[in-house]
Amino acid sequence: MSKNQKIINTVIFTTDTPHHQYFIKYLKKRVRFLEIKKVFFERKTLNNFSLFKKFFFQTFPNIFKGLFLNPYVQINLFERYLKRYEERWFNQLINDNIEKQIFSFVYDINSNKVKKYLNNNNLDLVIIYGTSKVKKEIYNTTTYGALNAHGGFLPAYRGLDTNLWAIFNNEVDMVYSTLHKVEEKFDSGEVVAEKKLSKKKINFFKLRFYITIDICKIIEKAVVNLICNKKIKKNDMESRYYKPMPILIKIWVFVKIILKKYE
């Protein structure tokens, strides 16, 4: 980045997790031309029980699929375990604290509080990592719109747990970190930067850790390409939206990775 590059006034939309905290620290400490004005942490989570019931009745009378392959049955114990170790791993890379006055917690990222802040401040960019879908009226208030950080290869793997789905589908060459422009359709905007994960780093427990590191490595390039209106040309391919991966399939993917049966 040129020394004459202007400062980009930036807002981050994310959730309060170790890998997202690391992402914020990386931008704050390493990407000098980004001025982080505000970080909005979204507290809203999926209503898993409601979605569970909806999926169950949609798949009825296939009770096995409705119960055991239901994507909205998740084990929180595993996620708590993983977060504890991720916090340790990320702190070994950057262990600096960030001034908390730039933090703001909201239930919904599309709330009036967020909208009011964006309308009342002269902002250039929104960077999104791990929130619910952001409405157009929110991200269109900035000079350059919004970038979304996505763990998955686009446009083939949209949605959730997409890198795990790529491994399940024996498409390990599509385990990617991606940054794309935000549009109304979920995970559908033009790709401005991407990085393929090395097969040596295919690890069930550290996959999110490595993907986050790669997203940080390409964020500067992504912002520059966005500003310069550059995109990565994509061949026509099927675009599919993936729901959260059911527990039974996650266990099968874990076994595949251990046995290296994904190639």
Protein backbone atom coordinates (compact mmCIF):
# COMPACT_ATOMS: atom_id res chain seq x y z
CA MET A 1 0.00 0.00 0.00
CA SER A 2 1.32 3.41 -0.98
CA LYS A 3 2.35 5.86 1.71
CA ASN A 4 -0.03 8.34 0.03
CA GLN A 5 -3.02 6.02 0.41
CA LYS A 6 -5.84 7.82 2.15
CA ILE A 7 -7.22 6.57 5.44
CA ILE A 8 -10.36 4.43 5.06
CA ASN A 9 -12.84 5.10 7.87
CA THR A 10 -14.18 1.67 8.69
CA VAL A 11 -16.87 0.00 10.78
CA ILE A 12 -16.79 -3.71 11.62
CA PHE A 13 -19.88 -5.88 12.06
CA THR A 14 -19.11 -9.14 13.84
CA THR A 15 -19.76 -11.28 16.94
CA ASP A 16 -17.77 -11.56 20.16
CA THR A 17 -15.68 -14.72 19.62
CA PRO A 18 -11.91 -15.38 19.86
CA HIS A 19 -11.41 -15.60 16.10
CA HIS A 20 -13.38 -12.42 15.46
CA GLN A 21 -11.51 -10.62 18.26
CA TYR A 22 -8.24 -11.62 16.58
CA PHE A 23 -9.54 -10.32 13.25
CA ILE A 24 -10.28 -6.93 14.85
CA LYS A 25 -6.85 -6.80 16.50
CA TYR A 26 -5.16 -7.67 13.21
CA LEU A 27 -6.95 -4.88 11.34
CA LYS A 28 -6.23 -2.42 14.12
CA LYS A 29 -2.54 -3.27 14.49
CA ARG A 30 -1.43 -4.41 11.04
CA VAL A 31 -3.56 -2.68 8.37
CA ARG A 32 -2.48 0.91 8.85
CA PHE A 33 -4.71 2.57 6.25
CA LEU A 34 -7.89 1.28 7.92
CA GLU A 35 -9.16 3.55 10.69
CA ILE A 36 -11.48 1.40 12.82
CA LYS A 37 -14.10 3.86 14.05
CA LYS A 38 -16.55 1.39 15.53
CA VAL A 39 -17.07 -2.32 16.12
CA PHE A 40 -20.63 -3.56 16.42
CA PHE A 41 -21.00 -6.97 18.05
CA GLU A 42 -24.26 -8.70 17.20
CA ARG A 43 -25.80 -10.78 20.00
CA LYS A 44 -28.66 -12.33 18.01
CA THR A 45 -28.34 -16.07 17.40
CA LEU A 46 -30.29 -18.57 15.34
CA ASN A 47 -33.56 -19.71 16.87
CA ASN A 48 -32.47 -23.33 16.63
CA PHE A 49 -35.59 -24.79 18.23
CA SER A 50 -37.91 -23.05 15.80
CA LEU A 51 -35.71 -23.99 12.84
CA PHE A 52 -35.45 -27.55 14.17
CA LYS A 53 -39.24 -27.91 14.18
CA LYS A 54 -39.55 -26.40 10.72
CA PHE A 55 -36.94 -28.78 9.27
CA PHE A 56 -38.53 -31.78 11.07
CA PHE A 57 -41.98 -31.14 9.59
CA GLN A 58 -40.53 -30.37 6.15
CA THR A 59 -38.80 -33.77 6.06
CA PHE A 60 -41.65 -35.75 7.67
CA PRO A 61 -42.30 -38.71 7.44
CA ASN A 62 -38.52 -39.28 7.18
CA ILE A 63 -38.04 -39.23 10.97
CA PHE A 64 -34.38 -40.27 10.83
CA LYS A 65 -33.52 -37.26 8.65
CA GLY A 66 -35.75 -34.97 10.67
CA LEU A 67 -34.06 -35.92 13.95
CA PHE A 68 -30.53 -37.16 13.28
CA LEU A 69 -29.68 -35.17 10.14
CA ASN A 70 -31.33 -31.99 11.37
CA PRO A 71 -28.84 -29.12 10.85
CA TYR A 72 -30.27 -27.22 13.80
CA VAL A 73 -29.28 -29.79 16.42
CA GLN A 74 -25.88 -28.57 17.58
CA ILE A 75 -23.66 -29.46 20.55
CA ASN A 76 -22.66 -26.28 22.40
CA LEU A 77 -20.13 -28.15 24.53
CA PHE A 78 -17.86 -28.66 21.52
CA GLU A 79 -18.09 -24.99 20.57
CA ARG A 80 -17.20 -23.87 24.11
CA TYR A 81 -14.21 -26.24 24.12
CA LEU A 82 -13.04 -24.95 20.75
CA LYS A 83 -13.39 -21.28 21.74
CA ARG A 84 -11.23 -21.83 24.82
CA TYR A 85 -8.39 -23.25 22.75
CA GLU A 86 -8.79 -20.70 19.96
CA GLU A 87 -8.39 -17.89 22.48
CA ARG A 88 -5.03 -19.37 23.50
CA TRP A 89 -3.88 -19.90 19.90
CA PHE A 90 -4.81 -16.40 18.76
CA ASN A 91 -3.31 -14.72 21.82
CA GLN A 92 0.02 -16.29 20.91
CA LEU A 93 -0.10 -14.29 17.66
CA ILE A 94 -1.44 -10.93 18.91
CA ASN A 95 -1.99 -10.41 22.62
CA ASP A 96 -2.64 -6.67 22.56
CA ASN A 97 -5.76 -5.07 23.97
CA ILE A 98 -7.98 -2.74 21.98
CA GLU A 99 -9.61 0.34 23.42
CA LYS A 100 -13.10 -0.82 24.32
CA GLN A 101 -14.74 2.54 23.69
CA ILE A 102 -15.01 1.59 20.02
CA PHE A 103 -17.06 -1.51 20.96
CA SER A 104 -20.85 -1.50 20.88
CA PHE A 105 -23.13 -4.49 21.50
CA VAL A 106 -26.46 -4.73 19.68
CA TYR A 107 -29.03 -7.49 19.48
CA ASP A 108 -29.61 -7.06 15.74
CA ILE A 109 -26.99 -5.72 13.34
CA ASN A 110 -29.80 -4.04 11.37
CA SER A 111 -31.00 -2.11 14.41
CA ASN A 112 -31.81 1.60 14.46
CA LYS A 113 -28.75 2.18 16.64
CA VAL A 114 -26.44 0.88 13.92
CA LYS A 115 -28.32 2.70 11.17
CA LYS A 116 -28.20 5.99 13.08
CA TYR A 117 -24.45 5.69 13.68
CA LEU A 118 -23.76 5.05 10.00
CA ASN A 119 -25.97 7.92 8.87
CA ASN A 120 -24.40 10.38 11.32
CA ASN A 121 -20.77 9.64 10.49
CA ASN A 122 -18.70 10.01 7.35
CA LEU A 123 -17.70 6.39 6.78
CA ASP A 124 -16.01 4.67 3.85
CA LEU A 125 -16.42 0.96 4.45
CA VAL A 126 -18.20 -1.74 6.43
CA ILE A 127 -16.38 -5.05 6.98
CA ILE A 128 -18.62 -7.96 8.00
CA TYR A 129 -17.46 -11.18 9.61
CA GLY A 130 -19.95 -13.61 11.08
CA THR A 131 -23.22 -11.72 11.56
CA SER A 132 -26.72 -12.31 10.28
CA LYS A 133 -27.68 -10.92 6.87
CA VAL A 134 -27.14 -7.16 6.66
CA LYS A 135 -29.84 -5.11 4.95
CA LYS A 136 -29.00 -2.98 1.93
CA GLU A 137 -30.17 0.19 3.69
CA ILE A 138 -27.40 -0.39 6.26
CA TYR A 139 -24.35 -1.11 4.10
CA ASN A 140 -25.26 1.33 1.30
CA THR A 141 -24.60 4.29 3.59
CA THR A 142 -20.80 4.09 3.15
CA THR A 143 -18.59 5.23 0.28
CA TYR A 144 -17.46 1.76 -0.80
CA GLY A 145 -20.30 -0.36 0.53
CA ALA A 146 -19.38 -3.49 2.47
CA LEU A 147 -16.99 -6.44 2.37
CA ASN A 148 -17.87 -9.83 3.83
CA ALA A 149 -15.33 -12.35 5.12
CA HIS A 150 -16.45 -15.86 4.17
CA GLY A 151 -14.91 -19.23 4.96
CA GLY A 152 -15.62 -21.06 1.72
CA PHE A 153 -15.13 -21.06 -2.05
CA LEU A 154 -17.56 -18.82 -3.91
CA PRO A 155 -19.88 -19.09 -5.70
CA ALA A 156 -19.96 -22.87 -5.22
CA TYR A 157 -20.10 -22.88 -1.41
CA ARG A 158 -22.42 -20.26 0.04
CA GLY A 159 -23.90 -20.38 3.54
CA LEU A 160 -22.64 -22.06 6.72
CA ASP A 161 -19.94 -24.66 7.51
CA THR A 162 -19.00 -24.44 3.85
CA ASN A 163 -15.40 -25.60 4.16
CA LEU A 164 -16.55 -28.66 6.10
CA TRP A 165 -19.11 -29.33 3.36
CA ALA A 166 -16.33 -29.10 0.75
CA ILE A 167 -14.34 -31.76 2.64
CA PHE A 168 -17.46 -33.91 2.96
CA ASN A 169 -17.97 -33.63 -0.82
CA ASN A 170 -14.34 -34.66 -1.45
CA GLU A 171 -13.59 -31.20 -2.87
CA VAL A 172 -10.71 -30.28 -0.60
CA ASP A 173 -9.36 -28.01 -3.37
CA MET A 174 -12.34 -25.76 -2.60
CA VAL A 175 -11.41 -25.12 1.04
CA TYR A 176 -10.93 -21.37 0.84
CA SER A 177 -10.93 -18.02 2.59
CA THR A 178 -12.84 -15.41 0.62
CA LEU A 179 -13.63 -11.71 0.76
CA HIS A 180 -16.48 -10.47 -1.41
CA LYS A 181 -18.66 -7.43 -1.95
CA VAL A 182 -21.95 -7.55 -0.09
CA GLU A 183 -25.13 -7.69 -2.15
CA GLU A 184 -28.75 -8.44 -1.29
CA LYS A 185 -28.46 -12.17 -2.03
CA PHE A 186 -26.49 -13.97 0.69
CA ASP A 187 -22.80 -14.64 -0.19
CA SER A 188 -23.38 -13.61 -3.80
CA GLY A 189 -21.28 -10.47 -4.32
CA GLU A 190 -18.20 -10.15 -6.53
CA VAL A 191 -15.10 -11.82 -5.08
CA VAL A 192 -12.25 -9.34 -4.54
CA ALA A 193 -9.73 -11.64 -2.80
CA GLU A 194 -9.42 -15.34 -2.01
CA LYS A 195 -6.86 -17.81 -0.68
CA LYS A 196 -6.83 -21.59 -0.93
CA LEU A 197 -6.00 -23.43 2.30
CA SER A 198 -2.98 -25.71 2.10
CA LYS A 199 -3.87 -29.41 2.40
CA LYS A 200 -1.29 -29.62 5.18
CA LYS A 201 -3.57 -27.40 7.27
CA ILE A 202 -6.71 -29.51 6.87
CA ASN A 203 -7.39 -30.06 10.56
CA PHE A 204 -10.88 -30.47 12.03
CA PHE A 205 -10.18 -28.60 15.26
CA LYS A 206 -7.95 -25.87 13.80
CA LEU A 207 -9.75 -25.30 10.51
CA ARG A 208 -11.46 -22.09 11.66
CA PHE A 209 -8.15 -20.89 13.13
CA TYR A 210 -6.30 -21.32 9.83
CA ILE A 211 -9.14 -19.82 7.78
CA THR A 212 -9.17 -16.73 10.02
CA ILE A 213 -5.41 -16.33 9.59
CA ASP A 214 -5.78 -16.52 5.81
CA ILE A 215 -8.64 -13.99 5.81
CA CYS A 216 -6.33 -11.59 7.66
CA LYS A 217 -3.58 -12.19 5.10
CA ILE A 218 -5.78 -11.14 2.18
CA ILE A 219 -7.85 -8.36 3.78
CA GLU A 220 -5.51 -5.56 2.63
CA LYS A 221 -5.60 -6.82 -0.95
CA ALA A 222 -9.38 -7.13 -0.75
CA VAL A 223 -9.87 -3.52 0.36
CA VAL A 224 -7.54 -2.20 -2.36
CA ASN A 225 -9.32 -4.27 -5.04
CA LEU A 226 -12.69 -3.06 -3.80
CA ILE A 227 -11.63 0.58 -3.98
CA CYS A 228 -10.08 0.05 -7.43
CA ASN A 229 -13.15 -1.90 -8.58
CA LYS A 230 -11.13 -5.03 -9.31
CA LYS A 231 -12.66 -8.49 -9.00
CA ILE A 232 -11.64 -12.11 -9.49
CA LYS A 233 -13.25 -13.51 -12.60
CA LYS A 234 -15.18 -16.70 -11.96
CA ASN A 235 -16.15 -19.42 -14.38
CA ASP A 236 -19.82 -20.31 -14.46
CA MET A 237 -20.47 -22.95 -11.83
CA GLU A 238 -23.32 -24.16 -9.70
CA SER A 239 -24.04 -21.94 -6.71
CA ARG A 240 -25.47 -23.71 -3.69
CA TYR A 241 -26.48 -22.49 -0.23
CA TYR A 242 -25.53 -24.82 2.64
CA LYS A 243 -27.26 -25.05 5.99
CA PRO A 244 -25.30 -25.78 9.21
CA MET A 245 -23.72 -29.23 9.09
CA PRO A 246 -25.61 -31.83 11.17
CA ILE A 247 -23.71 -33.42 14.05
CA LEU A 248 -23.61 -36.91 12.50
CA ILE A 249 -22.09 -35.55 9.30
CA LYS A 250 -19.57 -33.49 11.30
CA ILE A 251 -18.46 -36.68 13.04
CA TRP A 252 -18.05 -38.35 9.63
CA VAL A 253 -15.99 -35.39 8.37
CA PHE A 254 -13.84 -35.60 11.51
CA VAL A 255 -13.14 -39.27 10.73
CA LYS A 256 -12.38 -38.46 7.08
CA ILE A 257 -9.81 -35.86 8.13
CA ILE A 258 -8.18 -38.19 10.65
CA LEU A 259 -7.92 -40.96 8.05
CA LYS A 260 -7.12 -38.48 5.24
CA LYS A 261 -9.98 -39.92 3.16
CA TYR A 262 -10.88 -36.59 1.59
CA GLU A 263 -8.47 -36.68 -1.37
